Amino acid sequence: MAELIREGFSRGIWTGIITGLGEDTVEVVLNGAPVPDVDVAPVSANRHKITVPIRAEVIEDGVQSFVIQLRDGSTLGHFTLAAGSALDDDMRAEIDLLRAELDLLKRAFRRHCAETSA
């Protein structure tokens, strides 16, 4: 069974290592279409390096999700690219929600500690 190990994103190229690939073929999909120029090269007996160049024309405001999958459709993993000012509002809203949840948990924990120590 193939497994994806993420290496990271640098200079417009996302890289990772795939172990246990065997004879399967890998493709990367963005918005339902294959991403061109993806390279999967053997590194050692059971390891392949995948490089995914991100073309400028796919970078736009919002979040882009790249799905790495075998040709049979089974998903190995994914990575996302987020950009633009619209993202600022999403991040602020998410942080506000996390803060509210943290405050709720702190109150519940303090109440629990007070009840069990008394």
PDB file of N, CA and C in Angstrom:
ATOM      1  N   MET A   1       0.842  -1.182   0.000  1.00  0.00           N
ATOM      2  CA  MET A   1       0.000   0.000   0.000  1.00  0.00           C
ATOM      3  C   MET A   1       0.887   1.245   0.000  1.00  0.00           C
ATOM      4  N   ALA A   2       0.604   2.154  -0.890  1.00  0.00           N
ATOM      5  CA  ALA A   2       1.403   3.369  -1.023  1.00  0.00           C
ATOM      6  C   ALA A   2       1.088   4.349   0.103  1.00  0.00           C
ATOM      7  N   GLU A   3       2.115   5.105   0.506  1.00  0.00           N
ATOM      8  CA  GLU A   3       1.971   6.109   1.556  1.00  0.00           C
ATOM      9  C   GLU A   3       2.732   7.358   1.145  1.00  0.00           C
ATOM     10  N   LEU A   4       2.163   8.519   1.426  1.00  0.00           N
ATOM     11  CA  LEU A   4       2.766   9.797   1.068  1.00  0.00           C
ATOM     12  C   LEU A   4       3.384  10.451   2.290  1.00  0.00           C
ATOM     13  N   ILE A   5       4.629  10.893   2.141  1.00  0.00           N
ATOM     14  CA  ILE A   5       5.325  11.653   3.180  1.00  0.00           C
ATOM     15  C   ILE A   5       5.561  13.047   2.615  1.00  0.00           C
ATOM     16  N   ARG A   6       4.961  14.036   3.228  1.00  0.00           N
ATOM     17  CA  ARG A   6       5.085  15.409   2.733  1.00  0.00           C
ATOM     18  C   ARG A   6       6.455  15.981   3.078  1.00  0.00           C
ATOM     19  N   GLU A   7       7.101  16.608   2.089  1.00  0.00           N
ATOM     20  CA  GLU A   7       8.371  17.287   2.334  1.00  0.00           C
ATOM     21  C   GLU A   7       8.175  18.791   2.446  1.00  0.00           C
ATOM     22  N   GLY A   8       7.339  19.366   1.588  1.00  0.00           N
ATOM     23  CA  GLY A   8       7.095  20.798   1.711  1.00  0.00           C
ATOM     24  C   GLY A   8       6.958  21.510   0.389  1.00  0.00           C
ATOM     25  N   PHE A   9       6.917  22.831   0.497  1.00  0.00           N
ATOM     26  CA  PHE A   9       6.661  23.707  -0.636  1.00  0.00           C
ATOM     27  C   PHE A   9       7.754  24.762  -0.663  1.00  0.00           C
ATOM     28  N   SER A  10       8.465  24.870  -1.773  1.00  0.00           N
ATOM     29  CA  SER A  10       9.533  25.852  -1.894  1.00  0.00           C
ATOM     30  C   SER A  10       9.685  26.277  -3.343  1.00  0.00           C
ATOM     31  N   ARG A  11       9.774  27.591  -3.550  1.00  0.00           N
ATOM     32  CA  ARG A  11      10.022  28.163  -4.876  1.00  0.00           C
ATOM     33  C   ARG A  11       9.031  27.682  -5.933  1.00  0.00           C
ATOM     34  N   GLY A  12       7.783  27.562  -5.536  1.00  0.00           N
ATOM     35  CA  GLY A  12       6.744  27.180  -6.481  1.00  0.00           C
ATOM     36  C   GLY A  12       6.651  25.700  -6.780  1.00  0.00           C
ATOM     37  N   ILE A  13       7.363  24.876  -6.020  1.00  0.00           N
ATOM     38  CA  ILE A  13       7.333  23.423  -6.242  1.00  0.00           C
ATOM     39  C   ILE A  13       7.030  22.717  -4.923  1.00  0.00           C
ATOM     40  N   TRP A  14       5.991  21.878  -4.946  1.00  0.00           N
ATOM     41  CA  TRP A  14       5.664  21.052  -3.790  1.00  0.00           C
ATOM     42  C   TRP A  14       6.334  19.699  -3.980  1.00  0.00           C
ATOM     43  N   THR A  15       6.939  19.159  -2.906  1.00  0.00           N
ATOM     44  CA  THR A  15       7.613  17.864  -3.007  1.00  0.00           C
ATOM     45  C   THR A  15       7.175  16.933  -1.882  1.00  0.00           C
ATOM     46  N   GLY A  16       7.287  15.656  -2.172  1.00  0.00           N
ATOM     47  CA  GLY A  16       6.990  14.629  -1.191  1.00  0.00           C
ATOM     48  C   GLY A  16       7.650  13.320  -1.585  1.00  0.00           C
ATOM     49  N   ILE A  17       7.566  12.353  -0.703  1.00  0.00           N
ATOM     50  CA  ILE A  17       8.101  11.010  -0.945  1.00  0.00           C
ATOM     51  C   ILE A  17       6.933  10.030  -0.877  1.00  0.00           C
ATOM     52  N   ILE A  18       6.881   9.131  -1.839  1.00  0.00           N
ATOM     53  CA  ILE A  18       5.863   8.081  -1.843  1.00  0.00           C
ATOM     54  C   ILE A  18       6.575   6.757  -1.609  1.00  0.00           C
ATOM     55  N   THR A  19       6.136   6.030  -0.587  1.00  0.00           N
ATOM     56  CA  THR A  19       6.698   4.709  -0.318  1.00  0.00           C
ATOM     57  C   THR A  19       5.680   3.652  -0.721  1.00  0.00           C
ATOM     58  N   GLY A  20       6.170   2.491  -1.130  1.00  0.00           N
ATOM     59  CA  GLY A  20       5.290   1.373  -1.465  1.00  0.00           C
ATOM     60  C   GLY A  20       4.445   1.591  -2.697  1.00  0.00           C
ATOM     61  N   LEU A  21       4.939   2.332  -3.658  1.00  0.00           N
ATOM     62  CA  LEU A  21       4.147   2.670  -4.838  1.00  0.00           C
ATOM     63  C   LEU A  21       3.921   1.478  -5.751  1.00  0.00           C
ATOM     64  N   GLY A  22       4.918   0.640  -5.916  1.00  0.00           N
ATOM     65  CA  GLY A  22       4.787  -0.505  -6.815  1.00  0.00           C
ATOM     66  C   GLY A  22       4.626  -0.061  -8.251  1.00  0.00           C
ATOM     67  N   GLU A  23       3.672  -0.675  -8.963  1.00  0.00           N
ATOM     68  CA  GLU A  23       3.441  -0.367 -10.377  1.00  0.00           C
ATOM     69  C   GLU A  23       2.376   0.709 -10.587  1.00  0.00           C
ATOM     70  N   ASP A  24       1.804   1.214  -9.496  1.00  0.00           N
ATOM     71  CA  ASP A  24       0.746   2.217  -9.620  1.00  0.00           C
ATOM     72  C   ASP A  24       1.261   3.511 -10.240  1.00  0.00           C
ATOM     73  N   THR A  25       0.361   4.235 -10.877  1.00  0.00           N
ATOM     74  CA  THR A  25       0.676   5.530 -11.461  1.00  0.00           C
ATOM     75  C   THR A  25       0.000   6.611 -10.632  1.00  0.00           C
ATOM     76  N   VAL A  26       0.725   7.699 -10.400  1.00  0.00           N
ATOM     77  CA  VAL A  26       0.234   8.784  -9.559  1.00  0.00           C
ATOM     78  C   VAL A  26      -0.178   9.967 -10.421  1.00  0.00           C
ATOM     79  N   GLU A  27      -1.255  10.638 -10.008  1.00  0.00           N
ATOM     80  CA  GLU A  27      -1.637  11.892 -10.648  1.00  0.00           C
ATOM     81  C   GLU A  27      -2.030  12.889  -9.567  1.00  0.00           C
ATOM     82  N   VAL A  28      -1.890  14.162  -9.896  1.00  0.00           N
ATOM     83  CA  VAL A  28      -2.302  15.234  -8.994  1.00  0.00           C
ATOM     84  C   VAL A  28      -3.443  15.970  -9.678  1.00  0.00           C
ATOM     85  N   VAL A  29      -4.518  16.212  -8.916  1.00  0.00           N
ATOM     86  CA  VAL A  29      -5.721  16.804  -9.483  1.00  0.00           C
ATOM     87  C   VAL A  29      -6.031  18.113  -8.759  1.00  0.00           C
ATOM     88  N   LEU A  30      -6.389  19.133  -9.533  1.00  0.00           N
ATOM     89  CA  LEU A  30      -6.831  20.418  -8.998  1.00  0.00           C
ATOM     90  C   LEU A  30      -8.143  20.780  -9.678  1.00  0.00           C
ATOM     91  N   ASN A  31      -9.183  20.988  -8.902  1.00  0.00           N
ATOM     92  CA  ASN A  31     -10.511  21.325  -9.439  1.00  0.00           C
ATOM     93  C   ASN A  31     -10.979  20.318 -10.485  1.00  0.00           C
ATOM     94  N   GLY A  32     -10.686  19.046 -10.263  1.00  0.00           N
ATOM     95  CA  GLY A  32     -11.141  17.990 -11.152  1.00  0.00           C
ATOM     96  C   GLY A  32     -10.290  17.747 -12.380  1.00  0.00           C
ATOM     97  N   ALA A  33      -9.239  18.545 -12.576  1.00  0.00           N
ATOM     98  CA  ALA A  33      -8.383  18.393 -13.758  1.00  0.00           C
ATOM     99  C   ALA A  33      -6.968  18.005 -13.336  1.00  0.00           C
ATOM    100  N   PRO A  34      -6.300  17.152 -14.121  1.00  0.00           N
ATOM    101  CA  PRO A  34      -4.927  16.771 -13.795  1.00  0.00           C
ATOM    102  C   PRO A  34      -3.982  17.974 -13.854  1.00  0.00           C
ATOM    103  N   VAL A  35      -3.052  18.025 -12.919  1.00  0.00           N
ATOM    104  CA  VAL A  35      -2.024  19.067 -12.904  1.00  0.00           C
ATOM    105  C   VAL A  35      -0.900  18.620 -13.834  1.00  0.00           C
ATOM    106  N   PRO A  36      -0.482  19.469 -14.779  1.00  0.00           N
ATOM    107  CA  PRO A  36       0.574  19.069 -15.716  1.00  0.00           C
ATOM    108  C   PRO A  36       1.962  19.114 -15.074  1.00  0.00           C
ATOM    109  N   ASP A  37       2.888  18.411 -15.703  1.00  0.00           N
ATOM    110  CA  ASP A  37       4.318  18.424 -15.358  1.00  0.00           C
ATOM    111  C   ASP A  37       4.644  17.840 -13.992  1.00  0.00           C
ATOM    112  N   VAL A  38       3.769  16.994 -13.452  1.00  0.00           N
ATOM    113  CA  VAL A  38       4.072  16.301 -12.199  1.00  0.00           C
ATOM    114  C   VAL A  38       5.112  15.235 -12.502  1.00  0.00           C
ATOM    115  N   ASP A  39       6.134  15.148 -11.649  1.00  0.00           N
ATOM    116  CA  ASP A  39       7.197  14.170 -11.861  1.00  0.00           C
ATOM    117  C   ASP A  39       7.259  13.218 -10.672  1.00  0.00           C
ATOM    118  N   VAL A  40       7.276  11.932 -10.952  1.00  0.00           N
ATOM    119  CA  VAL A  40       7.449  10.903  -9.932  1.00  0.00           C
ATOM    120  C   VAL A  40       8.664  10.087 -10.340  1.00  0.00           C
ATOM    121  N   ALA A  41       9.742  10.207  -9.554  1.00  0.00           N
ATOM    122  CA  ALA A  41      11.006   9.560  -9.909  1.00  0.00           C
ATOM    123  C   ALA A  41      11.463   8.652  -8.778  1.00  0.00           C
ATOM    124  N   PRO A  42      11.993   7.455  -9.122  1.00  0.00           N
ATOM    125  CA  PRO A  42      12.492   6.559  -8.077  1.00  0.00           C
ATOM    126  C   PRO A  42      13.699   7.156  -7.363  1.00  0.00           C
ATOM    127  N   VAL A  43      13.708   7.002  -6.039  1.00  0.00           N
ATOM    128  CA  VAL A  43      14.824   7.463  -5.214  1.00  0.00           C
ATOM    129  C   VAL A  43      15.617   6.263  -4.719  1.00  0.00           C
ATOM    130  N   SER A  44      14.899   5.221  -4.315  1.00  0.00           N
ATOM    131  CA  SER A  44      15.514   3.970  -3.870  1.00  0.00           C
ATOM    132  C   SER A  44      14.531   2.850  -4.186  1.00  0.00           C
ATOM    133  N   ALA A  45      14.808   1.658  -3.668  1.00  0.00           N
ATOM    134  CA  ALA A  45      14.016   0.480  -4.022  1.00  0.00           C
ATOM    135  C   ALA A  45      12.516   0.660  -3.785  1.00  0.00           C
ATOM    136  N   ASN A  46      12.141   1.291  -2.705  1.00  0.00           N
ATOM    137  CA  ASN A  46      10.721   1.376  -2.359  1.00  0.00           C
ATOM    138  C   ASN A  46      10.244   2.818  -2.181  1.00  0.00           C
ATOM    139  N   ARG A  47      11.021   3.779  -2.689  1.00  0.00           N
ATOM    140  CA  ARG A  47      10.698   5.194  -2.481  1.00  0.00           C
ATOM    141  C   ARG A  47      10.740   5.953  -3.800  1.00  0.00           C
ATOM    142  N   HIS A  48       9.754   6.820  -3.986  1.00  0.00           N
ATOM    143  CA  HIS A  48       9.698   7.690  -5.162  1.00  0.00           C
ATOM    144  C   HIS A  48       9.538   9.128  -4.691  1.00  0.00           C
ATOM    145  N   LYS A  49      10.194  10.044  -5.373  1.00  0.00           N
ATOM    146  CA  LYS A  49      10.044  11.468  -5.075  1.00  0.00           C
ATOM    147  C   LYS A  49       9.029  12.057  -6.047  1.00  0.00           C
ATOM    148  N   ILE A  50       8.037  12.767  -5.498  1.00  0.00           N
ATOM    149  CA  ILE A  50       7.044  13.435  -6.327  1.00  0.00           C
ATOM    150  C   ILE A  50       7.293  14.939  -6.261  1.00  0.00           C
ATOM    151  N   THR A  51       7.339  15.572  -7.420  1.00  0.00           N
ATOM    152  CA  THR A  51       7.470  17.022  -7.490  1.00  0.00           C
ATOM    153  C   THR A  51       6.287  17.568  -8.279  1.00  0.00           C
ATOM    154  N   VAL A  52       5.660  18.587  -7.713  1.00  0.00           N
ATOM    155  CA  VAL A  52       4.479  19.187  -8.328  1.00  0.00           C
ATOM    156  C   VAL A  52       4.743  20.681  -8.512  1.00  0.00           C
ATOM    157  N   PRO A  53       5.072  21.099  -9.743  1.00  0.00           N
ATOM    158  CA  PRO A  53       5.258  22.535  -9.975  1.00  0.00           C
ATOM    159  C   PRO A  53       3.901  23.241 -10.003  1.00  0.00           C
ATOM    160  N   ILE A  54       3.817  24.362  -9.315  1.00  0.00           N
ATOM    161  CA  ILE A  54       2.573  25.121  -9.265  1.00  0.00           C
ATOM    162  C   ILE A  54       2.685  26.274 -10.260  1.00  0.00           C
ATOM    163  N   ARG A  55       1.898  26.207 -11.300  1.00  0.00           N
ATOM    164  CA  ARG A  55       1.918  27.251 -12.327  1.00  0.00           C
ATOM    165  C   ARG A  55       1.220  28.513 -11.824  1.00  0.00           C
ATOM    166  N   ALA A  56       1.692  29.648 -12.288  1.00  0.00           N
ATOM    167  CA  ALA A  56       1.141  30.936 -11.852  1.00  0.00           C
ATOM    168  C   ALA A  56      -0.343  31.062 -12.149  1.00  0.00           C
ATOM    169  N   GLU A  57      -0.808  30.475 -13.237  1.00  0.00           N
ATOM    170  CA  GLU A  57      -2.216  30.649 -13.610  1.00  0.00           C
ATOM    171  C   GLU A  57      -3.195  29.950 -12.667  1.00  0.00           C
ATOM    172  N   VAL A  58      -2.733  29.054 -11.807  1.00  0.00           N
ATOM    173  CA  VAL A  58      -3.652  28.405 -10.865  1.00  0.00           C
ATOM    174  C   VAL A  58      -3.686  29.112  -9.516  1.00  0.00           C
ATOM    175  N   ILE A  59      -2.811  30.092  -9.324  1.00  0.00           N
ATOM    176  CA  ILE A  59      -2.778  30.821  -8.059  1.00  0.00           C
ATOM    177  C   ILE A  59      -3.788  31.961  -8.132  1.00  0.00           C
ATOM    178  N   GLU A  60      -4.744  31.938  -7.208  1.00  0.00           N
ATOM    179  CA  GLU A  60      -5.774  32.976  -7.166  1.00  0.00           C
ATOM    180  C   GLU A  60      -6.267  33.113  -5.738  1.00  0.00           C
ATOM    181  N   ASP A  61      -7.078  34.140  -5.487  1.00  0.00           N
ATOM    182  CA  ASP A  61      -7.626  34.345  -4.148  1.00  0.00           C
ATOM    183  C   ASP A  61      -8.396  33.117  -3.689  1.00  0.00           C
ATOM    184  N   GLY A  62      -8.224  32.801  -2.417  1.00  0.00           N
ATOM    185  CA  GLY A  62      -8.932  31.667  -1.841  1.00  0.00           C
ATOM    186  C   GLY A  62      -7.997  30.500  -1.586  1.00  0.00           C
ATOM    187  N   VAL A  63      -8.583  29.353  -1.404  1.00  0.00           N
ATOM    188  CA  VAL A  63      -7.838  28.134  -1.085  1.00  0.00           C
ATOM    189  C   VAL A  63      -7.938  27.171  -2.255  1.00  0.00           C
ATOM    190  N   GLN A  64      -6.791  26.695  -2.715  1.00  0.00           N
ATOM    191  CA  GLN A  64      -6.730  25.704  -3.789  1.00  0.00           C
ATOM    192  C   GLN A  64      -6.263  24.386  -3.171  1.00  0.00           C
ATOM    193  N   SER A  65      -7.006  23.316  -3.387  1.00  0.00           N
ATOM    194  CA  SER A  65      -6.647  22.006  -2.839  1.00  0.00           C
ATOM    195  C   SER A  65      -6.173  21.091  -3.956  1.00  0.00           C
ATOM    196  N   PHE A  66      -4.954  20.624  -3.831  1.00  0.00           N
ATOM    197  CA  PHE A  66      -4.355  19.696  -4.779  1.00  0.00           C
ATOM    198  C   PHE A  66      -4.464  18.299  -4.179  1.00  0.00           C
ATOM    199  N   VAL A  67      -5.053  17.368  -4.908  1.00  0.00           N
ATOM    200  CA  VAL A  67      -5.250  16.003  -4.423  1.00  0.00           C
ATOM    201  C   VAL A  67      -4.280  15.082  -5.143  1.00  0.00           C
ATOM    202  N   ILE A  68      -3.503  14.325  -4.375  1.00  0.00           N
ATOM    203  CA  ILE A  68      -2.548  13.369  -4.924  1.00  0.00           C
ATOM    204  C   ILE A  68      -3.199  11.999  -4.832  1.00  0.00           C
ATOM    205  N   GLN A  69      -3.358  11.364  -5.986  1.00  0.00           N
ATOM    206  CA  GLN A  69      -4.074  10.093  -6.000  1.00  0.00           C
ATOM    207  C   GLN A  69      -3.456   9.124  -6.995  1.00  0.00           C
ATOM    208  N   LEU A  70      -3.796   7.863  -6.800  1.00  0.00           N
ATOM    209  CA  LEU A  70      -3.419   6.837  -7.758  1.00  0.00           C
ATOM    210  C   LEU A  70      -4.402   6.894  -8.918  1.00  0.00           C
ATOM    211  N   ARG A  71      -4.030   6.332 -10.046  1.00  0.00           N
ATOM    212  CA  ARG A  71      -4.904   6.377 -11.230  1.00  0.00           C
ATOM    213  C   ARG A  71      -6.255   5.708 -10.977  1.00  0.00           C
ATOM    214  N   ASP A  72      -6.303   4.763 -10.015  1.00  0.00           N
ATOM    215  CA  ASP A  72      -7.581   4.110  -9.713  1.00  0.00           C
ATOM    216  C   ASP A  72      -8.504   4.998  -8.876  1.00  0.00           C
ATOM    217  N   GLY A  73      -8.023   6.189  -8.508  1.00  0.00           N
ATOM    218  CA  GLY A  73      -8.842   7.136  -7.763  1.00  0.00           C
ATOM    219  C   GLY A  73      -8.622   7.144  -6.266  1.00  0.00           C
ATOM    220  N   SER A  74      -7.849   6.197  -5.728  1.00  0.00           N
ATOM    221  CA  SER A  74      -7.602   6.198  -4.288  1.00  0.00           C
ATOM    222  C   SER A  74      -6.643   7.339  -3.933  1.00  0.00           C
ATOM    223  N   THR A  75      -6.965   8.047  -2.869  1.00  0.00           N
ATOM    224  CA  THR A  75      -6.223   9.244  -2.485  1.00  0.00           C
ATOM    225  C   THR A  75      -5.038   8.903  -1.596  1.00  0.00           C
ATOM    226  N   LEU A  76      -3.863   9.450  -1.955  1.00  0.00           N
ATOM    227  CA  LEU A  76      -2.664   9.314  -1.130  1.00  0.00           C
ATOM    228  C   LEU A  76      -2.551  10.466  -0.143  1.00  0.00           C
ATOM    229  N   GLY A  77      -2.990  11.636  -0.547  1.00  0.00           N
ATOM    230  CA  GLY A  77      -2.896  12.817   0.305  1.00  0.00           C
ATOM    231  C   GLY A  77      -3.294  14.056  -0.463  1.00  0.00           C
ATOM    232  N   HIS A  78      -3.059  15.191   0.158  1.00  0.00           N
ATOM    233  CA  HIS A  78      -3.381  16.459  -0.483  1.00  0.00           C
ATOM    234  C   HIS A  78      -2.520  17.562   0.113  1.00  0.00           C
ATOM    235  N   PHE A  79      -2.460  18.680  -0.582  1.00  0.00           N
ATOM    236  CA  PHE A  79      -1.874  19.885  -0.016  1.00  0.00           C
ATOM    237  C   PHE A  79      -2.691  21.068  -0.500  1.00  0.00           C
ATOM    238  N   THR A  80      -2.634  22.146   0.257  1.00  0.00           N
ATOM    239  CA  THR A  80      -3.437  23.313  -0.085  1.00  0.00           C
ATOM    240  C   THR A  80      -2.559  24.536  -0.252  1.00  0.00           C
ATOM    241  N   LEU A  81      -3.041  25.435  -1.071  1.00  0.00           N
ATOM    242  CA  LEU A  81      -2.379  26.711  -1.311  1.00  0.00           C
ATOM    243  C   LEU A  81      -3.420  27.785  -1.042  1.00  0.00           C
ATOM    244  N   ALA A  82      -3.123  28.695  -0.112  1.00  0.00           N
ATOM    245  CA  ALA A  82      -4.077  29.737   0.262  1.00  0.00           C
ATOM    246  C   ALA A  82      -3.479  31.103  -0.037  1.00  0.00           C
ATOM    247  N   ALA A  83      -4.282  31.985  -0.631  1.00  0.00           N
ATOM    248  CA  ALA A  83      -3.784  33.314  -0.987  1.00  0.00           C
ATOM    249  C   ALA A  83      -4.924  34.319  -1.024  1.00  0.00           C
ATOM    250  N   GLY A  84      -4.560  35.580  -0.924  1.00  0.00           N
ATOM    251  CA  GLY A  84      -5.512  36.653  -1.153  1.00  0.00           C
ATOM    252  C   GLY A  84      -6.075  37.285   0.093  1.00  0.00           C
ATOM    253  N   SER A  85      -6.683  38.442  -0.094  1.00  0.00           N
ATOM    254  CA  SER A  85      -7.244  39.188   1.030  1.00  0.00           C
ATOM    255  C   SER A  85      -8.523  38.552   1.557  1.00  0.00           C
ATOM    256  N   ALA A  86      -9.246  37.832   0.735  1.00  0.00           N
ATOM    257  CA  ALA A  86     -10.459  37.158   1.206  1.00  0.00           C
ATOM    258  C   ALA A  86     -10.123  36.157   2.302  1.00  0.00           C
ATOM    259  N   LEU A  87      -8.914  35.644   2.251  1.00  0.00           N
ATOM    260  CA  LEU A  87      -8.474  34.670   3.243  1.00  0.00           C
ATOM    261  C   LEU A  87      -8.333  35.294   4.625  1.00  0.00           C
ATOM    262  N   ASP A  88      -7.981  36.589   4.688  1.00  0.00           N
ATOM    263  CA  ASP A  88      -7.813  37.254   5.977  1.00  0.00           C
ATOM    264  C   ASP A  88      -9.071  37.159   6.823  1.00  0.00           C
ATOM    265  N   ASP A  89     -10.228  37.424   6.223  1.00  0.00           N
ATOM    266  CA  ASP A  89     -11.487  37.350   6.963  1.00  0.00           C
ATOM    267  C   ASP A  89     -11.762  35.934   7.442  1.00  0.00           C
ATOM    268  N   ASP A  90     -11.480  34.943   6.603  1.00  0.00           N
ATOM    269  CA  ASP A  90     -11.679  33.550   6.994  1.00  0.00           C
ATOM    270  C   ASP A  90     -10.795  33.191   8.181  1.00  0.00           C
ATOM    271  N   MET A  91      -9.537  33.619   8.136  1.00  0.00           N
ATOM    272  CA  MET A  91      -8.607  33.298   9.217  1.00  0.00           C
ATOM    273  C   MET A  91      -9.020  33.999  10.513  1.00  0.00           C
ATOM    274  N   ARG A  92      -9.433  35.251  10.418  1.00  0.00           N
ATOM    275  CA  ARG A  92      -9.869  35.974  11.618  1.00  0.00           C
ATOM    276  C   ARG A  92     -11.097  35.305  12.234  1.00  0.00           C
ATOM    277  N   ALA A  93     -12.028  34.912  11.411  1.00  0.00           N
ATOM    278  CA  ALA A  93     -13.228  34.243  11.914  1.00  0.00           C
ATOM    279  C   ALA A  93     -12.863  32.923  12.586  1.00  0.00           C
ATOM    280  N   GLU A  94     -11.953  32.184  11.985  1.00  0.00           N
ATOM    281  CA  GLU A  94     -11.528  30.907  12.563  1.00  0.00           C
ATOM    282  C   GLU A  94     -10.816  31.122  13.893  1.00  0.00           C
ATOM    283  N   ILE A  95      -9.963  32.135  13.968  1.00  0.00           N
ATOM    284  CA  ILE A  95      -9.257  32.433  15.219  1.00  0.00           C
ATOM    285  C   ILE A  95     -10.251  32.854  16.295  1.00  0.00           C
ATOM    286  N   ASP A  96     -11.228  33.686  15.944  1.00  0.00           N
ATOM    287  CA  ASP A  96     -12.257  34.086  16.913  1.00  0.00           C
ATOM    288  C   ASP A  96     -13.024  32.878  17.431  1.00  0.00           C
ATOM    289  N   LEU A  97     -13.360  31.959  16.545  1.00  0.00           N
ATOM    290  CA  LEU A  97     -14.065  30.747  16.949  1.00  0.00           C
ATOM    291  C   LEU A  97     -13.199  29.897  17.880  1.00  0.00           C
ATOM    292  N   LEU A  98     -11.926  29.755  17.554  1.00  0.00           N
ATOM    293  CA  LEU A  98     -11.018  28.982  18.407  1.00  0.00           C
ATOM    294  C   LEU A  98     -10.864  29.624  19.780  1.00  0.00           C
ATOM    295  N   ARG A  99     -10.787  30.946  19.820  1.00  0.00           N
ATOM    296  CA  ARG A  99     -10.688  31.643  21.110  1.00  0.00           C
ATOM    297  C   ARG A  99     -11.937  31.408  21.951  1.00  0.00           C
ATOM    298  N   ALA A 100     -13.096  31.474  21.327  1.00  0.00           N
ATOM    299  CA  ALA A 100     -14.347  31.242  22.055  1.00  0.00           C
ATOM    300  C   ALA A 100     -14.400  29.816  22.600  1.00  0.00           C
ATOM    301  N   GLU A 101     -13.981  28.856  21.794  1.00  0.00           N
ATOM    302  CA  GLU A 101     -13.971  27.464  22.252  1.00  0.00           C
ATOM    303  C   GLU A 101     -12.968  27.268  23.383  1.00  0.00           C
ATOM    304  N   LEU A 102     -11.813  27.923  23.287  1.00  0.00           N
ATOM    305  CA  LEU A 102     -10.809  27.818  24.341  1.00  0.00           C
ATOM    306  C   LEU A 102     -11.337  28.410  25.643  1.00  0.00           C
ATOM    307  N   ASP A 103     -12.007  29.557  25.570  1.00  0.00           N
ATOM    308  CA  ASP A 103     -12.596  30.156  26.768  1.00  0.00           C
ATOM    309  C   ASP A 103     -13.624  29.226  27.399  1.00  0.00           C
ATOM    310  N   LEU A 104     -14.435  28.595  26.582  1.00  0.00           N
ATOM    311  CA  LEU A 104     -15.431  27.645  27.074  1.00  0.00           C
ATOM    312  C   LEU A 104     -14.752  26.473  27.782  1.00  0.00           C
ATOM    313  N   LEU A 105     -13.703  25.938  27.184  1.00  0.00           N
ATOM    314  CA  LEU A 105     -12.974  24.825  27.797  1.00  0.00           C
ATOM    315  C   LEU A 105     -12.299  25.244  29.097  1.00  0.00           C
ATOM    316  N   LYS A 106     -11.741  26.445  29.137  1.00  0.00           N
ATOM    317  CA  LYS A 106     -11.096  26.925  30.366  1.00  0.00           C
ATOM    318  C   LYS A 106     -12.111  27.036  31.497  1.00  0.00           C
ATOM    319  N   ARG A 107     -13.283  27.592  31.197  1.00  0.00           N
ATOM    320  CA  ARG A 107     -14.318  27.712  32.233  1.00  0.00           C
ATOM    321  C   ARG A 107     -14.762  26.334  32.731  1.00  0.00           C
ATOM    322  N   ALA A 108     -14.967  25.409  31.812  1.00  0.00           N
ATOM    323  CA  ALA A 108     -15.397  24.059  32.198  1.00  0.00           C
ATOM    324  C   ALA A 108     -14.319  23.362  33.021  1.00  0.00           C
ATOM    325  N   PHE A 109     -13.066  23.537  32.646  1.00  0.00           N
ATOM    326  CA  PHE A 109     -11.969  22.905  33.382  1.00  0.00           C
ATOM    327  C   PHE A 109     -11.855  23.494  34.787  1.00  0.00           C
ATOM    328  N   ARG A 110     -11.959  24.810  34.891  1.00  0.00           N
ATOM    329  CA  ARG A 110     -11.880  25.450  36.210  1.00  0.00           C
ATOM    330  C   ARG A 110     -13.038  25.006  37.103  1.00  0.00           C
ATOM    331  N   ARG A 111     -14.234  24.906  36.515  1.00  0.00           N
ATOM    332  CA  ARG A 111     -15.393  24.450  37.280  1.00  0.00           C
ATOM    333  C   ARG A 111     -15.180  23.009  37.753  1.00  0.00           C
ATOM    334  N   HIS A 112     -14.664  22.164  36.872  1.00  0.00           N
ATOM    335  CA  HIS A 112     -14.388  20.769  37.224  1.00  0.00           C
ATOM    336  C   HIS A 112     -13.366  20.688  38.359  1.00  0.00           C
ATOM    337  N   CYS A 113     -12.299  21.474  38.258  1.00  0.00           N
ATOM    338  CA  CYS A 113     -11.272  21.466  39.309  1.00  0.00           C
ATOM    339  C   CYS A 113     -11.842  21.941  40.641  1.00  0.00           C
ATOM    340  N   ALA A 114     -12.687  22.967  40.603  1.00  0.00           N
ATOM    341  CA  ALA A 114     -13.287  23.488  41.832  1.00  0.00           C
ATOM    342  C   ALA A 114     -14.226  22.457  42.458  1.00  0.00           C
ATOM    343  N   GLU A 115     -14.980  21.744  41.634  1.00  0.00           N
ATOM    344  CA  GLU A 115     -15.928  20.757  42.151  1.00  0.00           C
ATOM    345  C   GLU A 115     -15.230  19.527  42.709  1.00  0.00           C
ATOM    346  N   THR A 116     -14.154  19.092  42.089  1.00  0.00           N
ATOM    347  CA  THR A 116     -13.478  17.870  42.544  1.00  0.00           C
ATOM    348  C   THR A 116     -12.556  18.121  43.723  1.00  0.00           C
ATOM    349  N   SER A 117     -12.096  19.353  43.909  1.00  0.00           N
ATOM    350  CA  SER A 117     -11.199  19.630  45.035  1.00  0.00           C
ATOM    351  C   SER A 117     -11.979  19.962  46.304  1.00  0.00           C
ATOM    352  N   ALA A 118     -13.242  20.275  46.199  1.00  0.00           N
ATOM    353  CA  ALA A 118     -14.044  20.663  47.378  1.00  0.00           C
ATOM    354  C   ALA A 118     -14.586  19.479  48.126  1.00  0.00           C
TER     355      ALA A 118
END
